[in-house]
Each structure stands twice: as C-alpha cells, then as structure tokens.
Amino acid sequence: MEKFYVEPRNATTTPLPLATIYRLRGVPLSGDLTIERPTVVDAAMFLHIFAYHPLLVTRLEQRQHYFRAAAQIINQSGIFVLTRPWDFAAMPEVVSRLERHWRDVGLLEKAA
C-alpha cells in the first residue's frame, strides 16, 4: 500500500481530544457490518500492536508511560471494532452506520 503525506492547512500547538478509535476489519462481500466494543484486554492489545513503532517503547524503557497512556485512552475514548464488507459499494452504508454510531455515543448531535 502506498502512503502519501498531505500538508495540513492549519496547525495547532494545543492538544486535541481523542474521541474514538476504530479498528477496521474487512469481511467478504456478503459479510455483516458491525460496530462492537472490544474487551479492555483486547483494546489494550490493539493499542500496543498498532502503535507507531512499538519496539521503541521497549527500547526507550517507556512501557510504564505507554501503559498509562493506553489506559487513559481506553477510559476516555471509545475503542471499537468496525467490521465491514470489502466492497466500495458498501461505503455509503458504512458512513451512515458510523454517523449513527457517533450520535449514539454523543459525538454528533441527534437529528431533530
């Protein structure tokens, strides 16, 4: 997979809140679309496995700090597994489901 850098239009020095993290999981075209909260243990493992350079955490002896940060993220932000079909035709349904999920967890205002 190719990755590209996009220059941001604006920058801030103030830390921004982290609202929600989704682990993406694809299923065959006929698969279900679900959003589920993993167990705390699975959420912690997810944060560790998919962290930016997790080996550096060990080499710089930052495991304790990393664990505290992961626990804070798990407690303050939602971590969810988004399972969706590997099909671009399903994208409108995925976006719709995400928007509904954001409303359910209080990230978007509910429609009047």
PDB file of N, CA and C in Angstrom:
ATOM      1  N   MET A   1       0.840  -1.159   0.000  1.00  0.00           N
ATOM      2  CA  MET A   1       0.000   0.000   0.000  1.00  0.00           C
ATOM      3  C   MET A   1       0.897   1.237   0.000  1.00  0.00           C
ATOM      4  N   GLU A   2       0.596   2.171  -0.860  1.00  0.00           N
ATOM      5  CA  GLU A   2       1.351   3.410  -0.900  1.00  0.00           C
ATOM      6  C   GLU A   2       0.780   4.377   0.121  1.00  0.00           C
ATOM      7  N   LYS A   3       1.662   5.171   0.722  1.00  0.00           N
ATOM      8  CA  LYS A   3       1.236   6.178   1.679  1.00  0.00           C
ATOM      9  C   LYS A   3       1.710   7.525   1.175  1.00  0.00           C
ATOM     10  N   PHE A   4       0.925   8.551   1.449  1.00  0.00           N
ATOM     11  CA  PHE A   4       1.245   9.883   0.979  1.00  0.00           C
ATOM     12  C   PHE A   4       1.150  10.870   2.127  1.00  0.00           C
ATOM     13  N   TYR A   5       2.012  11.872   2.123  1.00  0.00           N
ATOM     14  CA  TYR A   5       1.960  12.942   3.110  1.00  0.00           C
ATOM     15  C   TYR A   5       1.155  14.091   2.529  1.00  0.00           C
ATOM     16  N   VAL A   6       0.223  14.601   3.308  1.00  0.00           N
ATOM     17  CA  VAL A   6      -0.583  15.741   2.891  1.00  0.00           C
ATOM     18  C   VAL A   6      -0.289  16.876   3.870  1.00  0.00           C
ATOM     19  N   GLU A   7       0.173  17.988   3.351  1.00  0.00           N
ATOM     20  CA  GLU A   7       0.478  19.146   4.193  1.00  0.00           C
ATOM     21  C   GLU A   7      -0.809  19.692   4.806  1.00  0.00           C
ATOM     22  N   PRO A   8      -0.861  19.850   6.126  1.00  0.00           N
ATOM     23  CA  PRO A   8      -2.080  20.382   6.741  1.00  0.00           C
ATOM     24  C   PRO A   8      -2.269  21.860   6.427  1.00  0.00           C
ATOM     25  N   ARG A   9      -3.534  22.273   6.324  1.00  0.00           N
ATOM     26  CA  ARG A   9      -3.833  23.686   6.075  1.00  0.00           C
ATOM     27  C   ARG A   9      -3.593  24.523   7.318  1.00  0.00           C
ATOM     28  N   ASN A  10      -3.899  23.965   8.479  1.00  0.00           N
ATOM     29  CA  ASN A  10      -3.747  24.676   9.740  1.00  0.00           C
ATOM     30  C   ASN A  10      -2.982  23.799  10.721  1.00  0.00           C
ATOM     31  N   ALA A  11      -2.398  24.422  11.708  1.00  0.00           N
ATOM     32  CA  ALA A  11      -1.699  23.682  12.755  1.00  0.00           C
ATOM     33  C   ALA A  11      -2.051  24.295  14.096  1.00  0.00           C
ATOM     34  N   THR A  12      -1.957  23.490  15.140  1.00  0.00           N
ATOM     35  CA  THR A  12      -2.214  23.977  16.487  1.00  0.00           C
ATOM     36  C   THR A  12      -1.199  23.369  17.434  1.00  0.00           C
ATOM     37  N   THR A  13      -0.862  24.092  18.458  1.00  0.00           N
ATOM     38  CA  THR A  13       0.051  23.560  19.472  1.00  0.00           C
ATOM     39  C   THR A  13      -0.719  23.029  20.669  1.00  0.00           C
ATOM     40  N   THR A  14      -2.019  23.261  20.686  1.00  0.00           N
ATOM     41  CA  THR A  14      -2.874  22.776  21.763  1.00  0.00           C
ATOM     42  C   THR A  14      -3.271  21.329  21.477  1.00  0.00           C
ATOM     43  N   PRO A  15      -3.090  20.437  22.451  1.00  0.00           N
ATOM     44  CA  PRO A  15      -3.514  19.048  22.219  1.00  0.00           C
ATOM     45  C   PRO A  15      -5.018  18.979  21.941  1.00  0.00           C
ATOM     46  N   LEU A  16      -5.384  18.158  20.985  1.00  0.00           N
ATOM     47  CA  LEU A  16      -6.799  17.985  20.636  1.00  0.00           C
ATOM     48  C   LEU A  16      -7.329  16.713  21.285  1.00  0.00           C
ATOM     49  N   PRO A  17      -8.601  16.687  21.635  1.00  0.00           N
ATOM     50  CA  PRO A  17      -9.155  15.485  22.269  1.00  0.00           C
ATOM     51  C   PRO A  17      -9.248  14.329  21.277  1.00  0.00           C
ATOM     52  N   LEU A  18      -9.092  13.153  21.809  1.00  0.00           N
ATOM     53  CA  LEU A  18      -9.233  11.935  21.018  1.00  0.00           C
ATOM     54  C   LEU A  18     -10.619  11.378  21.314  1.00  0.00           C
ATOM     55  N   ALA A  19     -11.492  11.373  20.324  1.00  0.00           N
ATOM     56  CA  ALA A  19     -12.884  10.993  20.562  1.00  0.00           C
ATOM     57  C   ALA A  19     -13.091   9.487  20.478  1.00  0.00           C
ATOM     58  N   THR A  20     -12.672   8.877  19.406  1.00  0.00           N
ATOM     59  CA  THR A  20     -12.947   7.461  19.183  1.00  0.00           C
ATOM     60  C   THR A  20     -11.870   6.856  18.293  1.00  0.00           C
ATOM     61  N   ILE A  21     -11.563   5.599  18.531  1.00  0.00           N
ATOM     62  CA  ILE A  21     -10.629   4.848  17.692  1.00  0.00           C
ATOM     63  C   ILE A  21     -11.381   3.638  17.153  1.00  0.00           C
ATOM     64  N   TYR A  22     -11.196   3.388  15.865  1.00  0.00           N
ATOM     65  CA  TYR A  22     -11.806   2.210  15.251  1.00  0.00           C
ATOM     66  C   TYR A  22     -10.722   1.300  14.706  1.00  0.00           C
ATOM     67  N   ARG A  23     -10.830   0.034  15.028  1.00  0.00           N
ATOM     68  CA  ARG A  23     -10.001  -0.980  14.385  1.00  0.00           C
ATOM     69  C   ARG A  23     -10.829  -1.497  13.221  1.00  0.00           C
ATOM     70  N   LEU A  24     -10.268  -1.419  12.028  1.00  0.00           N
ATOM     71  CA  LEU A  24     -11.005  -1.846  10.836  1.00  0.00           C
ATOM     72  C   LEU A  24     -10.762  -3.324  10.575  1.00  0.00           C
ATOM     73  N   ARG A  25     -11.845  -4.026  10.300  1.00  0.00           N
ATOM     74  CA  ARG A  25     -11.746  -5.444   9.971  1.00  0.00           C
ATOM     75  C   ARG A  25     -12.640  -5.689   8.763  1.00  0.00           C
ATOM     76  N   GLY A  26     -12.068  -6.204   7.703  1.00  0.00           N
ATOM     77  CA  GLY A  26     -12.825  -6.490   6.499  1.00  0.00           C
ATOM     78  C   GLY A  26     -13.331  -7.913   6.484  1.00  0.00           C
ATOM     79  N   VAL A  27     -14.469  -8.080   5.844  1.00  0.00           N
ATOM     80  CA  VAL A  27     -15.064  -9.401   5.669  1.00  0.00           C
ATOM     81  C   VAL A  27     -15.442  -9.546   4.201  1.00  0.00           C
ATOM     82  N   PRO A  28     -15.725 -10.764   3.754  1.00  0.00           N
ATOM     83  CA  PRO A  28     -16.131 -10.947   2.353  1.00  0.00           C
ATOM     84  C   PRO A  28     -17.328 -10.063   1.995  1.00  0.00           C
ATOM     85  N   LEU A  29     -17.578  -9.919   0.723  1.00  0.00           N
ATOM     86  CA  LEU A  29     -18.609  -9.012   0.224  1.00  0.00           C
ATOM     87  C   LEU A  29     -19.966  -9.202   0.881  1.00  0.00           C
ATOM     88  N   SER A  30     -20.306 -10.421   1.226  1.00  0.00           N
ATOM     89  CA  SER A  30     -21.626 -10.680   1.802  1.00  0.00           C
ATOM     90  C   SER A  30     -21.620 -10.560   3.324  1.00  0.00           C
ATOM     91  N   GLY A  31     -20.508 -10.136   3.903  1.00  0.00           N
ATOM     92  CA  GLY A  31     -20.386 -10.079   5.360  1.00  0.00           C
ATOM     93  C   GLY A  31     -21.186  -8.969   5.999  1.00  0.00           C
ATOM     94  N   ASP A  32     -21.356  -9.083   7.302  1.00  0.00           N
ATOM     95  CA  ASP A  32     -22.131  -8.115   8.065  1.00  0.00           C
ATOM     96  C   ASP A  32     -21.313  -6.866   8.365  1.00  0.00           C
ATOM     97  N   LEU A  33     -22.027  -5.777   8.588  1.00  0.00           N
ATOM     98  CA  LEU A  33     -21.446  -4.513   9.006  1.00  0.00           C
ATOM     99  C   LEU A  33     -21.777  -4.354  10.490  1.00  0.00           C
ATOM    100  N   THR A  34     -20.747  -4.347  11.339  1.00  0.00           N
ATOM    101  CA  THR A  34     -20.972  -4.229  12.775  1.00  0.00           C
ATOM    102  C   THR A  34     -19.981  -3.252  13.387  1.00  0.00           C
ATOM    103  N   ILE A  35     -20.385  -2.669  14.506  1.00  0.00           N
ATOM    104  CA  ILE A  35     -19.505  -1.842  15.321  1.00  0.00           C
ATOM    105  C   ILE A  35     -19.637  -2.387  16.734  1.00  0.00           C
ATOM    106  N   GLU A  36     -18.540  -2.907  17.269  1.00  0.00           N
ATOM    107  CA  GLU A  36     -18.573  -3.542  18.579  1.00  0.00           C
ATOM    108  C   GLU A  36     -17.447  -3.003  19.454  1.00  0.00           C
ATOM    109  N   ARG A  37     -17.686  -2.964  20.754  1.00  0.00           N
ATOM    110  CA  ARG A  37     -16.658  -2.552  21.704  1.00  0.00           C
ATOM    111  C   ARG A  37     -15.885  -3.804  22.129  1.00  0.00           C
ATOM    112  N   PRO A  38     -14.563  -3.806  21.974  1.00  0.00           N
ATOM    113  CA  PRO A  38     -13.792  -4.970  22.408  1.00  0.00           C
ATOM    114  C   PRO A  38     -13.644  -4.983  23.933  1.00  0.00           C
ATOM    115  N   THR A  39     -13.187  -6.098  24.468  1.00  0.00           N
ATOM    116  CA  THR A  39     -12.893  -6.150  25.898  1.00  0.00           C
ATOM    117  C   THR A  39     -11.738  -5.193  26.192  1.00  0.00           C
ATOM    118  N   VAL A  40     -11.555  -4.848  27.435  1.00  0.00           N
ATOM    119  CA  VAL A  40     -10.471  -3.944  27.821  1.00  0.00           C
ATOM    120  C   VAL A  40      -9.120  -4.542  27.436  1.00  0.00           C
ATOM    121  N   VAL A  41      -8.966  -5.841  27.632  1.00  0.00           N
ATOM    122  CA  VAL A  41      -7.704  -6.507  27.289  1.00  0.00           C
ATOM    123  C   VAL A  41      -7.457  -6.422  25.782  1.00  0.00           C
ATOM    124  N   ASP A  42      -8.491  -6.704  24.983  1.00  0.00           N
ATOM    125  CA  ASP A  42      -8.334  -6.625  23.530  1.00  0.00           C
ATOM    126  C   ASP A  42      -8.046  -5.193  23.080  1.00  0.00           C
ATOM    127  N   ALA A  43      -8.691  -4.220  23.716  1.00  0.00           N
ATOM    128  CA  ALA A  43      -8.443  -2.816  23.374  1.00  0.00           C
ATOM    129  C   ALA A  43      -6.991  -2.442  23.679  1.00  0.00           C
ATOM    130  N   ALA A  44      -6.482  -2.879  24.820  1.00  0.00           N
ATOM    131  CA  ALA A  44      -5.084  -2.587  25.178  1.00  0.00           C
ATOM    132  C   ALA A  44      -4.124  -3.245  24.193  1.00  0.00           C
ATOM    133  N   MET A  45      -4.405  -4.490  23.824  1.00  0.00           N
ATOM    134  CA  MET A  45      -3.547  -5.183  22.851  1.00  0.00           C
ATOM    135  C   MET A  45      -3.595  -4.480  21.499  1.00  0.00           C
ATOM    136  N   PHE A  46      -4.767  -4.031  21.102  1.00  0.00           N
ATOM    137  CA  PHE A  46      -4.928  -3.297  19.849  1.00  0.00           C
ATOM    138  C   PHE A  46      -4.056  -2.043  19.862  1.00  0.00           C
ATOM    139  N   LEU A  47      -4.113  -1.277  20.946  1.00  0.00           N
ATOM    140  CA  LEU A  47      -3.304  -0.057  21.035  1.00  0.00           C
ATOM    141  C   LEU A  47      -1.820  -0.374  20.979  1.00  0.00           C
ATOM    142  N   HIS A  48      -1.417  -1.470  21.606  1.00  0.00           N
ATOM    143  CA  HIS A  48       0.004  -1.843  21.606  1.00  0.00           C
ATOM    144  C   HIS A  48       0.451  -2.317  20.219  1.00  0.00           C
ATOM    145  N   ILE A  49      -0.306  -3.202  19.616  1.00  0.00           N
ATOM    146  CA  ILE A  49       0.087  -3.794  18.330  1.00  0.00           C
ATOM    147  C   ILE A  49       0.132  -2.762  17.211  1.00  0.00           C
ATOM    148  N   PHE A  50      -0.822  -1.834  17.212  1.00  0.00           N
ATOM    149  CA  PHE A  50      -0.910  -0.880  16.117  1.00  0.00           C
ATOM    150  C   PHE A  50      -0.303   0.482  16.440  1.00  0.00           C
ATOM    151  N   ALA A  51       0.456   0.542  17.506  1.00  0.00           N
ATOM    152  CA  ALA A  51       1.109   1.806  17.874  1.00  0.00           C
ATOM    153  C   ALA A  51       2.204   2.143  16.864  1.00  0.00           C
ATOM    154  N   TYR A  52       2.566   3.407  16.845  1.00  0.00           N
ATOM    155  CA  TYR A  52       3.662   3.847  15.990  1.00  0.00           C
ATOM    156  C   TYR A  52       4.958   3.391  16.633  1.00  0.00           C
ATOM    157  N   HIS A  53       5.677   2.515  15.989  1.00  0.00           N
ATOM    158  CA  HIS A  53       6.958   1.972  16.443  1.00  0.00           C
ATOM    159  C   HIS A  53       6.912   1.422  17.869  1.00  0.00           C
ATOM    160  N   PRO A  54       6.114   0.372  18.128  1.00  0.00           N
ATOM    161  CA  PRO A  54       6.028  -0.169  19.490  1.00  0.00           C
ATOM    162  C   PRO A  54       7.371  -0.672  20.019  1.00  0.00           C
ATOM    163  N   LEU A  55       8.285  -1.046  19.130  1.00  0.00           N
ATOM    164  CA  LEU A  55       9.598  -1.505  19.582  1.00  0.00           C
ATOM    165  C   LEU A  55      10.354  -0.383  20.298  1.00  0.00           C
ATOM    166  N   LEU A  56      10.131   0.858  19.870  1.00  0.00           N
ATOM    167  CA  LEU A  56      10.800   1.984  20.530  1.00  0.00           C
ATOM    168  C   LEU A  56      10.334   2.144  21.973  1.00  0.00           C
ATOM    169  N   VAL A  57       9.088   1.804  22.250  1.00  0.00           N
ATOM    170  CA  VAL A  57       8.574   1.891  23.616  1.00  0.00           C
ATOM    171  C   VAL A  57       9.436   1.029  24.532  1.00  0.00           C
ATOM    172  N   THR A  58       9.752  -0.160  24.073  1.00  0.00           N
ATOM    173  CA  THR A  58      10.585  -1.072  24.863  1.00  0.00           C
ATOM    174  C   THR A  58      12.023  -0.575  24.940  1.00  0.00           C
ATOM    175  N   ARG A  59      12.594  -0.223  23.815  1.00  0.00           N
ATOM    176  CA  ARG A  59      13.996   0.202  23.795  1.00  0.00           C
ATOM    177  C   ARG A  59      14.239   1.476  24.599  1.00  0.00           C
ATOM    178  N   LEU A  60      13.268   2.372  24.646  1.00  0.00           N
ATOM    179  CA  LEU A  60      13.419   3.617  25.395  1.00  0.00           C
ATOM    180  C   LEU A  60      12.904   3.482  26.831  1.00  0.00           C
ATOM    181  N   GLU A  61      12.575   2.243  27.198  1.00  0.00           N
ATOM    182  CA  GLU A  61      12.091   1.936  28.545  1.00  0.00           C
ATOM    183  C   GLU A  61      10.895   2.814  28.924  1.00  0.00           C
ATOM    184  N   GLN A  62       9.929   2.878  28.020  1.00  0.00           N
ATOM    185  CA  GLN A  62       8.745   3.706  28.213  1.00  0.00           C
ATOM    186  C   GLN A  62       7.475   2.879  28.388  1.00  0.00           C
ATOM    187  N   ARG A  63       7.616   1.590  28.694  1.00  0.00           N
ATOM    188  CA  ARG A  63       6.430   0.730  28.808  1.00  0.00           C
ATOM    189  C   ARG A  63       5.433   1.226  29.848  1.00  0.00           C
ATOM    190  N   GLN A  64       5.935   1.676  30.991  1.00  0.00           N
ATOM    191  CA  GLN A  64       5.042   2.137  32.056  1.00  0.00           C
ATOM    192  C   GLN A  64       4.256   3.377  31.595  1.00  0.00           C
ATOM    193  N   HIS A  65       4.944   4.316  30.938  1.00  0.00           N
ATOM    194  CA  HIS A  65       4.272   5.512  30.433  1.00  0.00           C
ATOM    195  C   HIS A  65       3.269   5.137  29.338  1.00  0.00           C
ATOM    196  N   TYR A  66       3.678   4.204  28.490  1.00  0.00           N
ATOM    197  CA  TYR A  66       2.815   3.774  27.404  1.00  0.00           C
ATOM    198  C   TYR A  66       1.559   3.108  27.952  1.00  0.00           C
ATOM    199  N   PHE A  67       1.744   2.267  28.987  1.00  0.00           N
ATOM    200  CA  PHE A  67       0.605   1.591  29.596  1.00  0.00           C
ATOM    201  C   PHE A  67      -0.359   2.606  30.189  1.00  0.00           C
ATOM    202  N   ARG A  68       0.164   3.619  30.900  1.00  0.00           N
ATOM    203  CA  ARG A  68      -0.694   4.659  31.480  1.00  0.00           C
ATOM    204  C   ARG A  68      -1.459   5.411  30.390  1.00  0.00           C
ATOM    205  N   ALA A  69      -0.756   5.743  29.316  1.00  0.00           N
ATOM    206  CA  ALA A  69      -1.402   6.461  28.206  1.00  0.00           C
ATOM    207  C   ALA A  69      -2.481   5.591  27.566  1.00  0.00           C
ATOM    208  N   ALA A  70      -2.198   4.308  27.380  1.00  0.00           N
ATOM    209  CA  ALA A  70      -3.183   3.393  26.791  1.00  0.00           C
ATOM    210  C   ALA A  70      -4.406   3.277  27.688  1.00  0.00           C
ATOM    211  N   ALA A  71      -4.185   3.166  28.999  1.00  0.00           N
ATOM    212  CA  ALA A  71      -5.310   3.076  29.941  1.00  0.00           C
ATOM    213  C   ALA A  71      -6.157   4.351  29.892  1.00  0.00           C
ATOM    214  N   GLN A  72      -5.505   5.493  29.784  1.00  0.00           N
ATOM    215  CA  GLN A  72      -6.233   6.760  29.699  1.00  0.00           C
ATOM    216  C   GLN A  72      -7.063   6.830  28.417  1.00  0.00           C
ATOM    217  N   ILE A  73      -6.480   6.382  27.308  1.00  0.00           N
ATOM    218  CA  ILE A  73      -7.208   6.370  26.035  1.00  0.00           C
ATOM    219  C   ILE A  73      -8.418   5.443  26.126  1.00  0.00           C
ATOM    220  N   ILE A  74      -8.228   4.267  26.695  1.00  0.00           N
ATOM    221  CA  ILE A  74      -9.325   3.299  26.810  1.00  0.00           C
ATOM    222  C   ILE A  74     -10.440   3.864  27.687  1.00  0.00           C
ATOM    223  N   ASN A  75     -10.074   4.546  28.782  1.00  0.00           N
ATOM    224  CA  ASN A  75     -11.081   5.092  29.704  1.00  0.00           C
ATOM    225  C   ASN A  75     -11.802   6.313  29.157  1.00  0.00           C
ATOM    226  N   GLN A  76     -11.095   7.161  28.419  1.00  0.00           N
ATOM    227  CA  GLN A  76     -11.675   8.431  27.994  1.00  0.00           C
ATOM    228  C   GLN A  76     -12.237   8.407  26.573  1.00  0.00           C
ATOM    229  N   SER A  77     -11.725   7.546  25.743  1.00  0.00           N
ATOM    230  CA  SER A  77     -12.155   7.490  24.341  1.00  0.00           C
ATOM    231  C   SER A  77     -12.772   6.133  24.070  1.00  0.00           C
ATOM    232  N   GLY A  78     -13.655   6.088  23.135  1.00  0.00           N
ATOM    233  CA  GLY A  78     -14.215   4.811  22.747  1.00  0.00           C
ATOM    234  C   GLY A  78     -13.279   4.087  21.792  1.00  0.00           C
ATOM    235  N   ILE A  79     -13.092   2.810  22.018  1.00  0.00           N
ATOM    236  CA  ILE A  79     -12.338   1.968  21.093  1.00  0.00           C
ATOM    237  C   ILE A  79     -13.306   0.911  20.605  1.00  0.00           C
ATOM    238  N   PHE A  80     -13.444   0.828  19.287  1.00  0.00           N
ATOM    239  CA  PHE A  80     -14.424  -0.062  18.691  1.00  0.00           C
ATOM    240  C   PHE A  80     -13.811  -0.828  17.533  1.00  0.00           C
ATOM    241  N   VAL A  81     -14.414  -1.968  17.213  1.00  0.00           N
ATOM    242  CA  VAL A  81     -14.034  -2.746  16.033  1.00  0.00           C
ATOM    243  C   VAL A  81     -15.132  -2.538  15.004  1.00  0.00           C
ATOM    244  N   LEU A  82     -14.743  -1.990  13.864  1.00  0.00           N
ATOM    245  CA  LEU A  82     -15.667  -1.772  12.753  1.00  0.00           C
ATOM    246  C   LEU A  82     -15.431  -2.877  11.738  1.00  0.00           C
ATOM    247  N   THR A  83     -16.388  -3.769  11.636  1.00  0.00           N
ATOM    248  CA  THR A  83     -16.314  -4.859  10.662  1.00  0.00           C
ATOM    249  C   THR A  83     -17.202  -4.474   9.491  1.00  0.00           C
ATOM    250  N   ARG A  84     -16.610  -4.475   8.302  1.00  0.00           N
ATOM    251  CA  ARG A  84     -17.380  -4.058   7.123  1.00  0.00           C
ATOM    252  C   ARG A  84     -16.935  -4.854   5.911  1.00  0.00           C
ATOM    253  N   PRO A  85     -17.835  -4.973   4.922  1.00  0.00           N
ATOM    254  CA  PRO A  85     -17.502  -5.719   3.705  1.00  0.00           C
ATOM    255  C   PRO A  85     -16.390  -5.029   2.917  1.00  0.00           C
ATOM    256  N   TRP A  86     -15.551  -5.830   2.274  1.00  0.00           N
ATOM    257  CA  TRP A  86     -14.508  -5.311   1.378  1.00  0.00           C
ATOM    258  C   TRP A  86     -15.164  -4.966   0.052  1.00  0.00           C
ATOM    259  N   ASP A  87     -15.921  -3.902   0.018  1.00  0.00           N
ATOM    260  CA  ASP A  87     -16.654  -3.558  -1.189  1.00  0.00           C
ATOM    261  C   ASP A  87     -16.945  -2.054  -1.163  1.00  0.00           C
ATOM    262  N   PHE A  88     -16.451  -1.334  -2.175  1.00  0.00           N
ATOM    263  CA  PHE A  88     -16.694   0.101  -2.220  1.00  0.00           C
ATOM    264  C   PHE A  88     -18.183   0.423  -2.320  1.00  0.00           C
ATOM    265  N   ALA A  89     -18.970  -0.479  -2.871  1.00  0.00           N
ATOM    266  CA  ALA A  89     -20.410  -0.248  -2.972  1.00  0.00           C
ATOM    267  C   ALA A  89     -21.057  -0.166  -1.587  1.00  0.00           C
ATOM    268  N   ALA A  90     -20.419  -0.752  -0.564  1.00  0.00           N
ATOM    269  CA  ALA A  90     -20.960  -0.718   0.798  1.00  0.00           C
ATOM    270  C   ALA A  90     -20.594   0.571   1.532  1.00  0.00           C
ATOM    271  N   MET A  91     -19.752   1.421   0.942  1.00  0.00           N
ATOM    272  CA  MET A  91     -19.264   2.608   1.624  1.00  0.00           C
ATOM    273  C   MET A  91     -20.373   3.539   2.119  1.00  0.00           C
ATOM    274  N   PRO A  92     -21.420   3.830   1.334  1.00  0.00           N
ATOM    275  CA  PRO A  92     -22.487   4.692   1.873  1.00  0.00           C
ATOM    276  C   PRO A  92     -23.126   4.114   3.145  1.00  0.00           C
ATOM    277  N   GLU A  93     -23.323   2.817   3.177  1.00  0.00           N
ATOM    278  CA  GLU A  93     -23.898   2.176   4.369  1.00  0.00           C
ATOM    279  C   GLU A  93     -22.922   2.264   5.542  1.00  0.00           C
ATOM    280  N   VAL A  94     -21.626   2.098   5.289  1.00  0.00           N
ATOM    281  CA  VAL A  94     -20.615   2.204   6.351  1.00  0.00           C
ATOM    282  C   VAL A  94     -20.620   3.613   6.943  1.00  0.00           C
ATOM    283  N   VAL A  95     -20.623   4.619   6.082  1.00  0.00           N
ATOM    284  CA  VAL A  95     -20.632   6.011   6.546  1.00  0.00           C
ATOM    285  C   VAL A  95     -21.900   6.293   7.338  1.00  0.00           C
ATOM    286  N   SER A  96     -23.036   5.833   6.856  1.00  0.00           N
ATOM    287  CA  SER A  96     -24.300   6.024   7.552  1.00  0.00           C
ATOM    288  C   SER A  96     -24.269   5.370   8.936  1.00  0.00           C
ATOM    289  N   ARG A  97     -23.744   4.158   9.004  1.00  0.00           N
ATOM    290  CA  ARG A  97     -23.657   3.450  10.283  1.00  0.00           C
ATOM    291  C   ARG A  97     -22.710   4.169  11.241  1.00  0.00           C
ATOM    292  N   LEU A  98     -21.584   4.681  10.712  1.00  0.00           N
ATOM    293  CA  LEU A  98     -20.658   5.441  11.563  1.00  0.00           C
ATOM    294  C   LEU A  98     -21.317   6.704  12.107  1.00  0.00           C
ATOM    295  N   GLU A  99     -22.023   7.419  11.257  1.00  0.00           N
ATOM    296  CA  GLU A  99     -22.706   8.632  11.714  1.00  0.00           C
ATOM    297  C   GLU A  99     -23.728   8.308  12.801  1.00  0.00           C
ATOM    298  N   ARG A 100     -24.466   7.214  12.632  1.00  0.00           N
ATOM    299  CA  ARG A 100     -25.434   6.786  13.646  1.00  0.00           C
ATOM    300  C   ARG A 100     -24.705   6.429  14.952  1.00  0.00           C
ATOM    301  N   HIS A 101     -23.562   5.754  14.810  1.00  0.00           N
ATOM    302  CA  HIS A 101     -22.767   5.382  15.982  1.00  0.00           C
ATOM    303  C   HIS A 101     -22.246   6.628  16.700  1.00  0.00           C
ATOM    304  N   TRP A 102     -21.780   7.616  15.944  1.00  0.00           N
ATOM    305  CA  TRP A 102     -21.292   8.862  16.559  1.00  0.00           C
ATOM    306  C   TRP A 102     -22.409   9.564  17.320  1.00  0.00           C
ATOM    307  N   ARG A 103     -23.620   9.531  16.792  1.00  0.00           N
ATOM    308  CA  ARG A 103     -24.756  10.111  17.515  1.00  0.00           C
ATOM    309  C   ARG A 103     -25.042   9.319  18.795  1.00  0.00           C
ATOM    310  N   ASP A 104     -25.003   7.992  18.691  1.00  0.00           N
ATOM    311  CA  ASP A 104     -25.292   7.130  19.844  1.00  0.00           C
ATOM    312  C   ASP A 104     -24.295   7.340  20.984  1.00  0.00           C
ATOM    313  N   VAL A 105     -23.026   7.597  20.650  1.00  0.00           N
ATOM    314  CA  VAL A 105     -22.002   7.782  21.693  1.00  0.00           C
ATOM    315  C   VAL A 105     -21.796   9.253  22.048  1.00  0.00           C
ATOM    316  N   GLY A 106     -22.603  10.144  21.458  1.00  0.00           N
ATOM    317  CA  GLY A 106     -22.560  11.556  21.820  1.00  0.00           C
ATOM    318  C   GLY A 106     -21.541  12.403  21.096  1.00  0.00           C
ATOM    319  N   LEU A 107     -21.001  11.923  19.992  1.00  0.00           N
ATOM    320  CA  LEU A 107     -20.029  12.715  19.224  1.00  0.00           C
ATOM    321  C   LEU A 107     -20.696  13.654  18.229  1.00  0.00           C
ATOM    322  N   LEU A 108     -21.913  13.334  17.838  1.00  0.00           N
ATOM    323  CA  LEU A 108     -22.701  14.196  16.960  1.00  0.00           C
ATOM    324  C   LEU A 108     -24.048  14.447  17.621  1.00  0.00           C
ATOM    325  N   GLU A 109     -24.609  15.612  17.340  1.00  0.00           N
ATOM    326  CA  GLU A 109     -25.949  15.895  17.870  1.00  0.00           C
ATOM    327  C   GLU A 109     -26.963  15.033  17.134  1.00  0.00           C
ATOM    328  N   LYS A 110     -27.930  14.577  17.872  1.00  0.00           N
ATOM    329  CA  LYS A 110     -29.001  13.767  17.275  1.00  0.00           C
ATOM    330  C   LYS A 110     -29.875  14.670  16.419  1.00  0.00           C
ATOM    331  N   ALA A 111     -30.308  14.146  15.291  1.00  0.00           N
ATOM    332  CA  ALA A 111     -31.176  14.913  14.390  1.00  0.00           C
ATOM    333  C   ALA A 111     -32.503  15.213  15.081  1.00  0.00           C
ATOM    334  N   ALA A 112     -32.992  16.412  14.844  1.00  0.00           N
ATOM    335  CA  ALA A 112     -34.253  16.824  15.494  1.00  0.00           C
ATOM    336  C   ALA A 112     -35.445  16.168  14.867  1.00  0.00           C
TER     337      ALA A 112
END
